[in-house]
Amino acid sequence: MKTILASIITTVLIVAMTLAAMFALVWATVKVTSLPTPLERAVGMGLELLLGIVLLLGTTWLATHLAVRIFSRKEPPSADFSELSKTGFDGSSSPIGARTNAPSGARTSAVSGDPFKGGSVV
């Protein structure tokens, strides 16, 4: 129930913030276009562009941040290292073990332990 209520409130908040950002940008556009000199208009347009980026990216960041906070799992999965300490290190599964088990003089790939079939590294 809390998740549903939080998602509804978040949706309303995001819509309101986006609408407010649009109204602020339209107001800024009206003000910038009424400036008398071209230099002031150019500076105003740059600032308006910066304002739009900050407002809309801020709204997007807040939306994704709240969505992650609402819908993420409450606690991270715990890492169980008890199995690792019981089984120990298995030499055959490591790339080093695969290379040491190869016939002498044979070049092997580090991942599979198969004899190396390929061109020069250099």
N, C-alpha and C. Protein backbone atom coordinates (compact mmCIF):
# COMPACT_ATOMS: atom_id res chain seq x y z
N MET A 1 0.82 -1.19 0.00
CA MET A 1 0.00 0.00 0.00
C MET A 1 0.87 1.26 0.00
N LYS A 2 1.97 1.22 0.79
CA LYS A 2 2.87 2.37 0.82
C LYS A 2 3.52 2.60 -0.54
N THR A 3 3.84 1.51 -1.24
CA THR A 3 4.47 1.64 -2.55
C THR A 3 3.52 2.28 -3.55
N ILE A 4 2.28 1.89 -3.53
CA ILE A 4 1.29 2.46 -4.45
C ILE A 4 1.09 3.94 -4.16
N LEU A 5 0.94 4.28 -2.89
CA LEU A 5 0.75 5.68 -2.51
C LEU A 5 1.99 6.52 -2.87
N ALA A 6 3.15 5.99 -2.61
CA ALA A 6 4.39 6.71 -2.95
C ALA A 6 4.54 6.89 -4.45
N SER A 7 4.17 5.88 -5.23
CA SER A 7 4.28 6.02 -6.68
C SER A 7 3.28 7.04 -7.23
N ILE A 8 2.09 7.11 -6.65
CA ILE A 8 1.10 8.11 -7.09
C ILE A 8 1.58 9.51 -6.74
N ILE A 9 2.06 9.70 -5.52
CA ILE A 9 2.55 11.02 -5.10
C ILE A 9 3.76 11.43 -5.95
N THR A 10 4.64 10.49 -6.24
CA THR A 10 5.81 10.78 -7.06
C THR A 10 5.39 11.18 -8.47
N THR A 11 4.43 10.49 -9.03
CA THR A 11 3.95 10.82 -10.37
C THR A 11 3.36 12.22 -10.41
N VAL A 12 2.54 12.55 -9.42
CA VAL A 12 1.94 13.89 -9.36
C VAL A 12 3.03 14.95 -9.20
N LEU A 13 4.01 14.68 -8.34
CA LEU A 13 5.11 15.62 -8.13
C LEU A 13 5.90 15.85 -9.41
N ILE A 14 6.18 14.79 -10.13
CA ILE A 14 6.97 14.91 -11.35
C ILE A 14 6.20 15.67 -12.42
N VAL A 15 4.92 15.39 -12.55
CA VAL A 15 4.10 16.12 -13.53
C VAL A 15 4.05 17.60 -13.16
N ALA A 16 3.87 17.90 -11.88
CA ALA A 16 3.82 19.29 -11.43
C ALA A 16 5.16 20.00 -11.67
N MET A 17 6.26 19.31 -11.39
CA MET A 17 7.57 19.93 -11.61
C MET A 17 7.84 20.17 -13.10
N THR A 18 7.45 19.24 -13.94
CA THR A 18 7.65 19.41 -15.39
C THR A 18 6.80 20.55 -15.91
N LEU A 19 5.57 20.62 -15.45
CA LEU A 19 4.68 21.72 -15.87
C LEU A 19 5.22 23.06 -15.38
N ALA A 20 5.71 23.12 -14.14
CA ALA A 20 6.28 24.36 -13.62
C ALA A 20 7.53 24.74 -14.40
N ALA A 21 8.35 23.76 -14.79
CA ALA A 21 9.54 24.05 -15.59
C ALA A 21 9.14 24.62 -16.96
N MET A 22 8.10 24.08 -17.55
CA MET A 22 7.65 24.58 -18.84
C MET A 22 7.11 26.01 -18.72
N PHE A 23 6.34 26.28 -17.66
CA PHE A 23 5.84 27.64 -17.46
C PHE A 23 6.99 28.61 -17.23
N ALA A 24 8.01 28.20 -16.47
CA ALA A 24 9.17 29.06 -16.22
C ALA A 24 9.92 29.32 -17.51
N LEU A 25 10.05 28.31 -18.36
CA LEU A 25 10.75 28.51 -19.62
C LEU A 25 9.98 29.38 -20.59
N VAL A 26 8.67 29.25 -20.62
CA VAL A 26 7.85 30.12 -21.48
C VAL A 26 7.93 31.56 -20.98
N TRP A 27 7.86 31.75 -19.66
CA TRP A 27 7.98 33.10 -19.09
C TRP A 27 9.34 33.70 -19.44
N ALA A 28 10.41 32.89 -19.32
CA ALA A 28 11.75 33.37 -19.64
C ALA A 28 11.86 33.70 -21.12
N THR A 29 11.22 32.93 -21.99
CA THR A 29 11.25 33.21 -23.42
C THR A 29 10.57 34.53 -23.74
N VAL A 30 9.44 34.78 -23.11
CA VAL A 30 8.73 36.05 -23.32
C VAL A 30 9.60 37.22 -22.86
N LYS A 31 10.24 37.07 -21.71
CA LYS A 31 11.11 38.15 -21.20
C LYS A 31 12.32 38.36 -22.10
N VAL A 32 12.94 37.27 -22.56
CA VAL A 32 14.15 37.38 -23.38
C VAL A 32 13.82 38.02 -24.73
N THR A 33 12.70 37.66 -25.33
CA THR A 33 12.37 38.22 -26.64
C THR A 33 11.97 39.70 -26.56
N SER A 34 11.64 40.17 -25.37
CA SER A 34 11.29 41.58 -25.25
C SER A 34 12.49 42.46 -24.89
N LEU A 35 13.67 41.87 -24.79
CA LEU A 35 14.87 42.67 -24.50
C LEU A 35 15.21 43.55 -25.70
N PRO A 36 15.71 44.79 -25.44
CA PRO A 36 15.87 45.74 -26.53
C PRO A 36 17.08 45.49 -27.44
N THR A 37 18.20 45.11 -26.92
CA THR A 37 19.39 44.98 -27.77
C THR A 37 19.69 43.53 -28.11
N PRO A 38 20.32 43.31 -29.27
CA PRO A 38 20.65 41.93 -29.66
C PRO A 38 21.63 41.25 -28.71
N LEU A 39 22.55 42.00 -28.11
CA LEU A 39 23.50 41.42 -27.17
C LEU A 39 22.79 40.90 -25.93
N GLU A 40 21.85 41.70 -25.41
CA GLU A 40 21.09 41.25 -24.24
C GLU A 40 20.23 40.04 -24.57
N ARG A 41 19.65 40.04 -25.77
CA ARG A 41 18.85 38.88 -26.18
C ARG A 41 19.71 37.63 -26.30
N ALA A 42 20.92 37.77 -26.85
CA ALA A 42 21.81 36.61 -27.00
C ALA A 42 22.20 36.05 -25.64
N VAL A 43 22.56 36.94 -24.71
CA VAL A 43 22.90 36.50 -23.35
C VAL A 43 21.68 35.86 -22.69
N GLY A 44 20.53 36.48 -22.87
CA GLY A 44 19.29 35.95 -22.30
C GLY A 44 18.95 34.57 -22.85
N MET A 45 19.17 34.37 -24.14
CA MET A 45 18.90 33.06 -24.74
C MET A 45 19.84 32.00 -24.18
N GLY A 46 21.11 32.37 -24.01
CA GLY A 46 22.06 31.42 -23.41
C GLY A 46 21.66 31.05 -22.00
N LEU A 47 21.28 32.05 -21.21
CA LEU A 47 20.84 31.77 -19.83
C LEU A 47 19.54 30.98 -19.81
N GLU A 48 18.66 31.27 -20.75
CA GLU A 48 17.41 30.51 -20.83
C GLU A 48 17.68 29.05 -21.19
N LEU A 49 18.61 28.83 -22.09
CA LEU A 49 18.99 27.46 -22.44
C LEU A 49 19.58 26.74 -21.24
N LEU A 50 20.43 27.42 -20.50
CA LEU A 50 21.01 26.84 -19.29
C LEU A 50 19.92 26.54 -18.25
N LEU A 51 18.98 27.48 -18.09
CA LEU A 51 17.87 27.27 -17.16
C LEU A 51 17.03 26.06 -17.56
N GLY A 52 16.76 25.92 -18.84
CA GLY A 52 15.98 24.78 -19.32
C GLY A 52 16.67 23.46 -19.07
N ILE A 53 17.98 23.44 -19.32
CA ILE A 53 18.73 22.21 -19.08
C ILE A 53 18.71 21.85 -17.61
N VAL A 54 18.94 22.83 -16.75
CA VAL A 54 18.96 22.56 -15.30
C VAL A 54 17.59 22.11 -14.82
N LEU A 55 16.54 22.79 -15.24
CA LEU A 55 15.20 22.43 -14.77
C LEU A 55 14.77 21.04 -15.25
N LEU A 56 14.94 20.79 -16.53
CA LEU A 56 14.46 19.52 -17.07
C LEU A 56 15.35 18.34 -16.67
N LEU A 57 16.66 18.55 -16.61
CA LEU A 57 17.51 17.46 -16.12
C LEU A 57 17.29 17.22 -14.63
N GLY A 58 17.05 18.28 -13.88
CA GLY A 58 16.74 18.11 -12.46
C GLY A 58 15.45 17.34 -12.25
N THR A 59 14.46 17.62 -13.05
CA THR A 59 13.19 16.90 -12.95
C THR A 59 13.39 15.42 -13.32
N THR A 60 14.15 15.17 -14.38
CA THR A 60 14.41 13.78 -14.78
C THR A 60 15.21 13.04 -13.72
N TRP A 61 16.23 13.71 -13.16
CA TRP A 61 17.02 13.07 -12.11
C TRP A 61 16.14 12.73 -10.91
N LEU A 62 15.31 13.70 -10.49
CA LEU A 62 14.45 13.45 -9.34
C LEU A 62 13.47 12.30 -9.62
N ALA A 63 12.93 12.26 -10.82
CA ALA A 63 11.99 11.19 -11.17
C ALA A 63 12.66 9.83 -11.10
N THR A 64 13.84 9.70 -11.67
CA THR A 64 14.50 8.40 -11.65
C THR A 64 14.98 8.05 -10.24
N HIS A 65 15.45 9.05 -9.50
CA HIS A 65 15.92 8.80 -8.14
C HIS A 65 14.77 8.30 -7.25
N LEU A 66 13.64 8.96 -7.34
CA LEU A 66 12.49 8.54 -6.53
C LEU A 66 11.96 7.18 -6.97
N ALA A 67 11.96 6.92 -8.27
CA ALA A 67 11.49 5.62 -8.75
C ALA A 67 12.39 4.50 -8.24
N VAL A 68 13.69 4.73 -8.25
CA VAL A 68 14.60 3.71 -7.73
C VAL A 68 14.39 3.52 -6.24
N ARG A 69 14.21 4.61 -5.51
CA ARG A 69 14.00 4.50 -4.06
C ARG A 69 12.69 3.77 -3.74
N ILE A 70 11.67 3.98 -4.55
CA ILE A 70 10.37 3.35 -4.28
C ILE A 70 10.38 1.87 -4.65
N PHE A 71 10.89 1.55 -5.83
CA PHE A 71 10.74 0.20 -6.36
C PHE A 71 11.94 -0.71 -6.16
N SER A 72 13.02 -0.23 -5.54
CA SER A 72 14.17 -1.10 -5.33
C SER A 72 13.89 -2.04 -4.16
N ARG A 73 14.68 -3.11 -4.13
CA ARG A 73 14.56 -4.04 -3.00
C ARG A 73 15.02 -3.33 -1.75
N LYS A 74 14.42 -3.67 -0.65
CA LYS A 74 14.68 -2.96 0.60
C LYS A 74 16.06 -3.24 1.18
N GLU A 75 16.57 -4.45 1.03
CA GLU A 75 17.90 -4.76 1.56
C GLU A 75 18.70 -5.49 0.49
N PRO A 76 19.98 -5.19 0.40
CA PRO A 76 20.79 -5.86 -0.62
C PRO A 76 20.96 -7.34 -0.29
N PRO A 77 21.13 -8.16 -1.30
CA PRO A 77 21.34 -9.59 -1.03
C PRO A 77 22.65 -9.79 -0.28
N SER A 78 22.61 -10.70 0.67
CA SER A 78 23.81 -10.95 1.47
C SER A 78 24.72 -11.92 0.72
N ALA A 79 25.99 -11.68 0.80
CA ALA A 79 26.97 -12.56 0.17
C ALA A 79 27.31 -13.67 1.16
N ASP A 80 27.13 -14.91 0.74
CA ASP A 80 27.40 -16.05 1.61
C ASP A 80 28.73 -16.66 1.21
N PHE A 81 29.76 -16.37 1.98
CA PHE A 81 31.09 -16.87 1.69
C PHE A 81 31.39 -18.18 2.40
N SER A 82 30.42 -18.74 3.10
CA SER A 82 30.67 -19.98 3.83
C SER A 82 30.95 -21.15 2.87
N GLU A 83 30.29 -21.19 1.72
CA GLU A 83 30.52 -22.27 0.76
C GLU A 83 31.93 -22.17 0.18
N LEU A 84 32.41 -20.96 -0.02
CA LEU A 84 33.73 -20.78 -0.58
C LEU A 84 34.81 -21.32 0.36
N SER A 85 34.64 -21.06 1.65
CA SER A 85 35.65 -21.53 2.60
C SER A 85 35.57 -23.05 2.79
N LYS A 86 34.42 -23.68 2.58
CA LYS A 86 34.30 -25.13 2.74
C LYS A 86 34.92 -25.87 1.57
N THR A 87 34.72 -25.37 0.36
CA THR A 87 35.19 -26.09 -0.81
C THR A 87 36.64 -25.83 -1.10
N GLY A 88 37.13 -24.68 -0.69
CA GLY A 88 38.52 -24.35 -0.97
C GLY A 88 38.68 -23.92 -2.41
N PHE A 89 39.92 -23.85 -2.85
CA PHE A 89 40.23 -23.40 -4.19
C PHE A 89 40.36 -24.60 -5.10
N ASP A 90 39.64 -24.58 -6.21
CA ASP A 90 39.69 -25.67 -7.17
C ASP A 90 40.67 -25.28 -8.27
N GLY A 91 41.80 -25.92 -8.32
CA GLY A 91 42.84 -25.57 -9.27
C GLY A 91 42.46 -25.80 -10.71
N SER A 92 41.57 -26.75 -10.99
CA SER A 92 41.23 -27.03 -12.37
C SER A 92 40.35 -25.95 -12.98
N SER A 93 39.70 -25.14 -12.16
CA SER A 93 38.82 -24.12 -12.71
C SER A 93 39.54 -22.82 -12.98
N SER A 94 40.78 -22.71 -12.55
CA SER A 94 41.49 -21.46 -12.75
C SER A 94 42.28 -21.48 -14.04
N PRO A 95 42.50 -20.32 -14.63
CA PRO A 95 43.32 -20.28 -15.85
C PRO A 95 44.75 -20.74 -15.59
N ILE A 96 45.25 -20.50 -14.41
CA ILE A 96 46.61 -20.93 -14.09
C ILE A 96 46.68 -22.45 -14.04
N GLY A 97 45.66 -23.07 -13.43
CA GLY A 97 45.61 -24.53 -13.36
C GLY A 97 45.49 -25.14 -14.75
N ALA A 98 44.76 -24.48 -15.64
CA ALA A 98 44.59 -25.00 -16.99
C ALA A 98 45.90 -24.97 -17.74
N ARG A 99 46.69 -23.92 -17.50
CA ARG A 99 47.97 -23.82 -18.18
C ARG A 99 48.97 -24.84 -17.64
N THR A 100 48.91 -25.10 -16.35
CA THR A 100 49.88 -26.03 -15.77
C THR A 100 49.54 -27.47 -16.11
N ASN A 101 48.26 -27.75 -16.43
CA ASN A 101 47.87 -29.11 -16.79
C ASN A 101 48.13 -29.41 -18.27
N ALA A 102 48.50 -28.42 -19.06
CA ALA A 102 48.73 -28.62 -20.49
C ALA A 102 50.06 -29.32 -20.69
N PRO A 103 50.21 -30.01 -21.83
CA PRO A 103 51.49 -30.66 -22.11
C PRO A 103 52.60 -29.61 -22.21
N SER A 104 53.81 -30.02 -21.88
CA SER A 104 54.91 -29.05 -21.87
C SER A 104 55.18 -28.56 -23.28
N GLY A 105 55.43 -27.28 -23.38
CA GLY A 105 55.72 -26.68 -24.68
C GLY A 105 54.47 -26.25 -25.43
N ALA A 106 53.27 -26.68 -25.00
CA ALA A 106 52.04 -26.29 -25.69
C ALA A 106 51.57 -24.95 -25.17
N ARG A 107 51.20 -24.09 -26.08
CA ARG A 107 50.64 -22.80 -25.67
C ARG A 107 49.14 -22.97 -25.50
N THR A 108 48.58 -22.44 -24.42
CA THR A 108 47.15 -22.59 -24.15
C THR A 108 46.53 -21.22 -23.96
N SER A 109 45.22 -21.18 -24.19
CA SER A 109 44.51 -19.93 -23.90
C SER A 109 44.21 -19.91 -22.41
N ALA A 110 44.20 -18.71 -21.84
CA ALA A 110 44.02 -18.58 -20.39
C ALA A 110 42.61 -18.93 -19.96
N VAL A 111 41.64 -18.82 -20.83
CA VAL A 111 40.25 -19.02 -20.43
C VAL A 111 39.86 -20.48 -20.46
N SER A 112 40.10 -21.16 -21.56
CA SER A 112 39.57 -22.51 -21.69
C SER A 112 40.60 -23.60 -21.45
N GLY A 113 41.86 -23.31 -21.54
CA GLY A 113 42.87 -24.34 -21.37
C GLY A 113 43.13 -25.12 -22.64
N ASP A 114 42.45 -24.77 -23.73
CA ASP A 114 42.65 -25.44 -25.00
C ASP A 114 43.98 -24.98 -25.59
N PRO A 115 44.60 -25.85 -26.39
CA PRO A 115 45.84 -25.41 -27.05
C PRO A 115 45.58 -24.14 -27.85
N PHE A 116 46.55 -23.28 -27.85
CA PHE A 116 46.43 -21.99 -28.52
C PHE A 116 46.48 -22.19 -30.02
N LYS A 117 45.44 -21.66 -30.70
CA LYS A 117 45.40 -21.72 -32.16
C LYS A 117 45.12 -20.31 -32.64
N GLY A 118 46.13 -19.63 -33.02
CA GLY A 118 45.91 -18.28 -33.47
C GLY A 118 47.19 -17.64 -33.89
N GLY A 119 47.09 -16.40 -34.26
CA GLY A 119 48.24 -15.67 -34.75
C GLY A 119 49.06 -15.09 -33.61
N SER A 120 50.00 -14.32 -34.01
CA SER A 120 50.90 -13.68 -33.07
C SER A 120 50.18 -12.58 -32.31
N VAL A 121 50.54 -12.38 -31.08
CA VAL A 121 49.97 -11.30 -30.27
C VAL A 121 50.54 -9.98 -30.70
N VAL A 122 51.77 -10.00 -31.19
CA VAL A 122 52.46 -8.76 -31.55
C VAL A 122 52.06 -8.31 -32.92
